[in-house]
Amino acid sequence: MTRGLGKPFKVRDFRFGKPFNEGKNTIVPGYARKITYDHITFEATSNPIIIDQHYCNGKVCAEKGKAVAVSDITFSNMKGTYSKEEPITLVCDSSKGCNNVRMEQIDLRTPSEPGEKGNVKCSNVKGERTSVTPAVPCLSATKA
């Protein structure tokens, strides 16, 4: 998924199945902003929602303080199942952080235990959430 610098980017009406790990963009140094993920369905996906500024590809890890600036990211109208303990990971660099991350109308469940709520991993992220399961405590709750 590629988009020109400074242009809004949207992924809409998409389905991730078992072969995929998650919806992830690899961003070159600079910034990642104005990205929207909307109307996405997951089927037994390992990690459906990830922002990880400390991502390691097995060999090279992003240095702390060298992360891209992340802002104006929206995840909306997402549903489905996940296969790992952490369906939502929002791990942002302590020097840059992630700003204006919005989550709305998210319903992620395990296929074997539909009522079980997964763990959410988050740090250094600011934003809002409305109707999100599992709950994302690092984002401020807003009314639907």
C-alpha atoms as a PDB file:
ATOM      1  CA  MET A   1       0.000   0.000   0.000  1.00  0.00           C
ATOM      2  CA  THR A   2       1.667   3.163  -1.150  1.00  0.00           C
ATOM      3  CA  ARG A   3       0.513   6.751  -1.171  1.00  0.00           C
ATOM      4  CA  GLY A   4       2.273   9.995  -1.993  1.00  0.00           C
ATOM      5  CA  LEU A   5       3.690  12.107   0.815  1.00  0.00           C
ATOM      6  CA  GLY A   6       1.172  14.257   2.617  1.00  0.00           C
ATOM      7  CA  LYS A   7      -1.862  12.673   0.962  1.00  0.00           C
ATOM      8  CA  PRO A   8      -4.678  11.081   3.014  1.00  0.00           C
ATOM      9  CA  PHE A   9      -4.628   7.287   2.844  1.00  0.00           C
ATOM     10  CA  LYS A  10      -7.665   5.031   3.315  1.00  0.00           C
ATOM     11  CA  VAL A  11      -8.121   1.255   3.468  1.00  0.00           C
ATOM     12  CA  ARG A  12     -11.847   0.438   3.231  1.00  0.00           C
ATOM     13  CA  ASP A  13     -14.076  -2.638   2.836  1.00  0.00           C
ATOM     14  CA  PHE A  14     -11.267  -5.140   3.215  1.00  0.00           C
ATOM     15  CA  ARG A  15     -11.093  -8.649   4.667  1.00  0.00           C
ATOM     16  CA  PHE A  16      -7.994 -10.074   6.386  1.00  0.00           C
ATOM     17  CA  GLY A  17      -7.947 -13.857   6.705  1.00  0.00           C
ATOM     18  CA  LYS A  18      -5.739 -16.438   8.331  1.00  0.00           C
ATOM     19  CA  PRO A  19      -2.733 -16.017   5.988  1.00  0.00           C
ATOM     20  CA  PHE A  20      -2.339 -12.365   6.956  1.00  0.00           C
ATOM     21  CA  ASN A  21      -0.821 -11.152  10.193  1.00  0.00           C
ATOM     22  CA  GLU A  22      -2.377  -7.689  10.293  1.00  0.00           C
ATOM     23  CA  GLY A  23      -3.043  -4.536   8.372  1.00  0.00           C
ATOM     24  CA  LYS A  24       0.383  -2.953   8.542  1.00  0.00           C
ATOM     25  CA  ASN A  25       1.971  -0.166   6.548  1.00  0.00           C
ATOM     26  CA  THR A  26       5.726   0.111   6.364  1.00  0.00           C
ATOM     27  CA  ILE A  27       6.517   3.799   6.446  1.00  0.00           C
ATOM     28  CA  VAL A  28       9.814   5.408   5.458  1.00  0.00           C
ATOM     29  CA  PRO A  29      11.409   7.920   7.885  1.00  0.00           C
ATOM     30  CA  GLY A  30       9.398  11.097   8.312  1.00  0.00           C
ATOM     31  CA  TYR A  31       5.786  10.761   9.326  1.00  0.00           C
ATOM     32  CA  ALA A  32       2.685   8.640   8.994  1.00  0.00           C
ATOM     33  CA  ARG A  33      -0.492  10.691   9.190  1.00  0.00           C
ATOM     34  CA  LYS A  34      -4.041  10.938   7.869  1.00  0.00           C
ATOM     35  CA  ILE A  35      -4.458   7.164   7.566  1.00  0.00           C
ATOM     36  CA  THR A  36      -7.929   5.616   7.878  1.00  0.00           C
ATOM     37  CA  TYR A  37      -8.848   1.943   8.169  1.00  0.00           C
ATOM     38  CA  ASP A  38     -12.628   1.552   7.733  1.00  0.00           C
ATOM     39  CA  HIS A  39     -15.067  -1.388   7.381  1.00  0.00           C
ATOM     40  CA  ILE A  40     -12.498  -4.144   7.829  1.00  0.00           C
ATOM     41  CA  THR A  41     -13.288  -7.735   8.802  1.00  0.00           C
ATOM     42  CA  PHE A  42     -10.752 -10.074  10.423  1.00  0.00           C
ATOM     43  CA  GLU A  43     -10.915 -13.870  10.488  1.00  0.00           C
ATOM     44  CA  ALA A  44      -8.616 -15.540  13.052  1.00  0.00           C
ATOM     45  CA  THR A  45      -6.005 -12.844  12.400  1.00  0.00           C
ATOM     46  CA  SER A  46      -2.917 -12.876  14.648  1.00  0.00           C
ATOM     47  CA  ASN A  47      -2.757  -9.153  15.462  1.00  0.00           C
ATOM     48  CA  PRO A  48      -5.580  -7.182  13.847  1.00  0.00           C
ATOM     49  CA  ILE A  49      -4.629  -3.653  14.928  1.00  0.00           C
ATOM     50  CA  ILE A  50      -1.006  -2.595  15.368  1.00  0.00           C
ATOM     51  CA  ILE A  51       0.922   0.626  15.617  1.00  0.00           C
ATOM     52  CA  ASP A  52       4.414  -0.328  16.765  1.00  0.00           C
ATOM     53  CA  GLN A  53       7.160   2.274  16.589  1.00  0.00           C
ATOM     54  CA  HIS A  54       9.607  -0.244  18.094  1.00  0.00           C
ATOM     55  CA  TYR A  55       8.952  -2.885  15.437  1.00  0.00           C
ATOM     56  CA  CYS A  56      11.652  -5.509  14.893  1.00  0.00           C
ATOM     57  CA  ASN A  57      11.709  -7.460  11.656  1.00  0.00           C
ATOM     58  CA  GLY A  58      13.779 -10.251  13.211  1.00  0.00           C
ATOM     59  CA  LYS A  59      17.135  -8.625  12.485  1.00  0.00           C
ATOM     60  CA  VAL A  60      16.896  -4.870  12.829  1.00  0.00           C
ATOM     61  CA  CYS A  61      14.876  -3.026  15.459  1.00  0.00           C
ATOM     62  CA  ALA A  62      13.855   0.596  15.244  1.00  0.00           C
ATOM     63  CA  GLU A  63      16.057   2.695  17.511  1.00  0.00           C
ATOM     64  CA  LYS A  64      14.295   4.557  20.279  1.00  0.00           C
ATOM     65  CA  GLY A  65      13.955   8.204  19.328  1.00  0.00           C
ATOM     66  CA  LYS A  66      14.258   7.399  15.596  1.00  0.00           C
ATOM     67  CA  ALA A  67      10.581   6.595  15.029  1.00  0.00           C
ATOM     68  CA  VAL A  68       8.429   8.379  12.474  1.00  0.00           C
ATOM     69  CA  ALA A  69       5.855  10.859  13.758  1.00  0.00           C
ATOM     70  CA  VAL A  70       2.410   9.210  13.812  1.00  0.00           C
ATOM     71  CA  SER A  71      -0.799  11.266  13.889  1.00  0.00           C
ATOM     72  CA  ASP A  72      -4.383  11.389  12.666  1.00  0.00           C
ATOM     73  CA  ILE A  73      -4.877   7.627  12.430  1.00  0.00           C
ATOM     74  CA  THR A  74      -8.454   6.299  12.439  1.00  0.00           C
ATOM     75  CA  PHE A  75      -9.619   2.721  12.899  1.00  0.00           C
ATOM     76  CA  SER A  76     -13.390   2.444  12.418  1.00  0.00           C
ATOM     77  CA  ASN A  77     -16.098  -0.142  11.833  1.00  0.00           C
ATOM     78  CA  MET A  78     -13.841  -3.156  12.341  1.00  0.00           C
ATOM     79  CA  LYS A  79     -15.004  -6.561  13.478  1.00  0.00           C
ATOM     80  CA  GLY A  80     -13.971 -10.172  13.566  1.00  0.00           C
ATOM     81  CA  THR A  81     -11.793 -12.658  15.366  1.00  0.00           C
ATOM     82  CA  TYR A  82      -8.168 -12.803  16.439  1.00  0.00           C
ATOM     83  CA  SER A  83      -5.905 -15.707  17.331  1.00  0.00           C
ATOM     84  CA  LYS A  84      -3.366 -14.194  19.746  1.00  0.00           C
ATOM     85  CA  GLU A  85      -3.647 -12.639  23.197  1.00  0.00           C
ATOM     86  CA  GLU A  86      -3.093  -9.051  22.049  1.00  0.00           C
ATOM     87  CA  PRO A  87      -5.582  -8.046  19.360  1.00  0.00           C
ATOM     88  CA  ILE A  88      -4.697  -4.361  19.727  1.00  0.00           C
ATOM     89  CA  THR A  89      -1.140  -3.030  20.079  1.00  0.00           C
ATOM     90  CA  LEU A  90      -0.455   0.704  20.181  1.00  0.00           C
ATOM     91  CA  VAL A  91       3.216   1.037  21.166  1.00  0.00           C
ATOM     92  CA  CYS A  92       4.622   4.452  20.412  1.00  0.00           C
ATOM     93  CA  ASP A  93       8.055   5.952  20.954  1.00  0.00           C
ATOM     94  CA  SER A  94       8.485   7.981  24.147  1.00  0.00           C
ATOM     95  CA  SER A  95      10.037  10.930  22.291  1.00  0.00           C
ATOM     96  CA  LYS A  96       7.563  11.133  19.366  1.00  0.00           C
ATOM     97  CA  GLY A  97       4.463   9.374  20.628  1.00  0.00           C
ATOM     98  CA  CYS A  98       1.328   8.856  18.548  1.00  0.00           C
ATOM     99  CA  ASN A  99      -1.244  11.640  18.459  1.00  0.00           C
ATOM    100  CA  ASN A 100      -4.909  11.823  17.498  1.00  0.00           C
ATOM    101  CA  VAL A 101      -5.416   8.073  17.201  1.00  0.00           C
ATOM    102  CA  ARG A 102      -9.149   7.376  16.945  1.00  0.00           C
ATOM    103  CA  MET A 103     -10.900   4.054  17.362  1.00  0.00           C
ATOM    104  CA  GLU A 104     -14.651   3.749  16.836  1.00  0.00           C
ATOM    105  CA  GLN A 105     -17.052   0.845  16.442  1.00  0.00           C
ATOM    106  CA  ILE A 106     -14.457  -1.921  16.935  1.00  0.00           C
ATOM    107  CA  ASP A 107     -15.569  -5.448  17.935  1.00  0.00           C
ATOM    108  CA  LEU A 108     -12.774  -8.044  18.089  1.00  0.00           C
ATOM    109  CA  ARG A 109     -13.281 -11.464  19.714  1.00  0.00           C
ATOM    110  CA  THR A 110     -11.499 -14.787  19.986  1.00  0.00           C
ATOM    111  CA  PRO A 111     -13.098 -17.486  17.813  1.00  0.00           C
ATOM    112  CA  SER A 112     -13.097 -20.070  20.617  1.00  0.00           C
ATOM    113  CA  GLU A 113     -14.248 -17.790  23.451  1.00  0.00           C
ATOM    114  CA  PRO A 114     -16.485 -15.094  21.924  1.00  0.00           C
ATOM    115  CA  GLY A 115     -17.027 -13.365  25.286  1.00  0.00           C
ATOM    116  CA  GLU A 116     -13.332 -13.345  26.235  1.00  0.00           C
ATOM    117  CA  LYS A 117     -11.612  -9.995  26.086  1.00  0.00           C
ATOM    118  CA  GLY A 118      -8.014  -9.899  24.896  1.00  0.00           C
ATOM    119  CA  ASN A 119      -5.160  -7.907  26.308  1.00  0.00           C
ATOM    120  CA  VAL A 120      -4.429  -4.502  24.876  1.00  0.00           C
ATOM    121  CA  LYS A 121      -0.852  -3.257  24.816  1.00  0.00           C
ATOM    122  CA  CYS A 122      -0.360   0.492  24.635  1.00  0.00           C
ATOM    123  CA  SER A 123       2.090   3.218  25.556  1.00  0.00           C
ATOM    124  CA  ASN A 124       2.727   6.854  24.632  1.00  0.00           C
ATOM    125  CA  VAL A 125      -0.453   7.198  22.571  1.00  0.00           C
ATOM    126  CA  LYS A 126      -3.077   9.965  22.714  1.00  0.00           C
ATOM    127  CA  GLY A 127      -6.518   9.822  21.204  1.00  0.00           C
ATOM    128  CA  GLU A 128     -10.137   8.790  21.651  1.00  0.00           C
ATOM    129  CA  ARG A 129     -12.236   5.625  21.564  1.00  0.00           C
ATOM    130  CA  THR A 130     -15.947   5.007  21.082  1.00  0.00           C
ATOM    131  CA  SER A 131     -17.556   1.538  21.345  1.00  0.00           C
ATOM    132  CA  VAL A 132     -14.354  -0.522  21.299  1.00  0.00           C
ATOM    133  CA  THR A 133     -14.053  -4.189  22.350  1.00  0.00           C
ATOM    134  CA  PRO A 134     -11.690  -5.034  23.862  1.00  0.00           C
ATOM    135  CA  ALA A 135     -11.404  -1.724  25.704  1.00  0.00           C
ATOM    136  CA  VAL A 136      -8.342   0.410  25.003  1.00  0.00           C
ATOM    137  CA  PRO A 137      -7.681   2.204  28.297  1.00  0.00           C
ATOM    138  CA  CYS A 138      -4.899   4.446  26.961  1.00  0.00           C
ATOM    139  CA  LEU A 139      -7.405   6.265  24.723  1.00  0.00           C
ATOM    140  CA  SER A 140      -9.983   8.634  26.197  1.00  0.00           C
ATOM    141  CA  ALA A 141     -13.532   7.306  26.135  1.00  0.00           C
ATOM    142  CA  THR A 142     -16.105   9.328  24.208  1.00  0.00           C
ATOM    143  CA  LYS A 143     -19.853   8.874  23.973  1.00  0.00           C
ATOM    144  CA  ALA A 144     -21.302   7.195  20.894  1.00  0.00           C
END
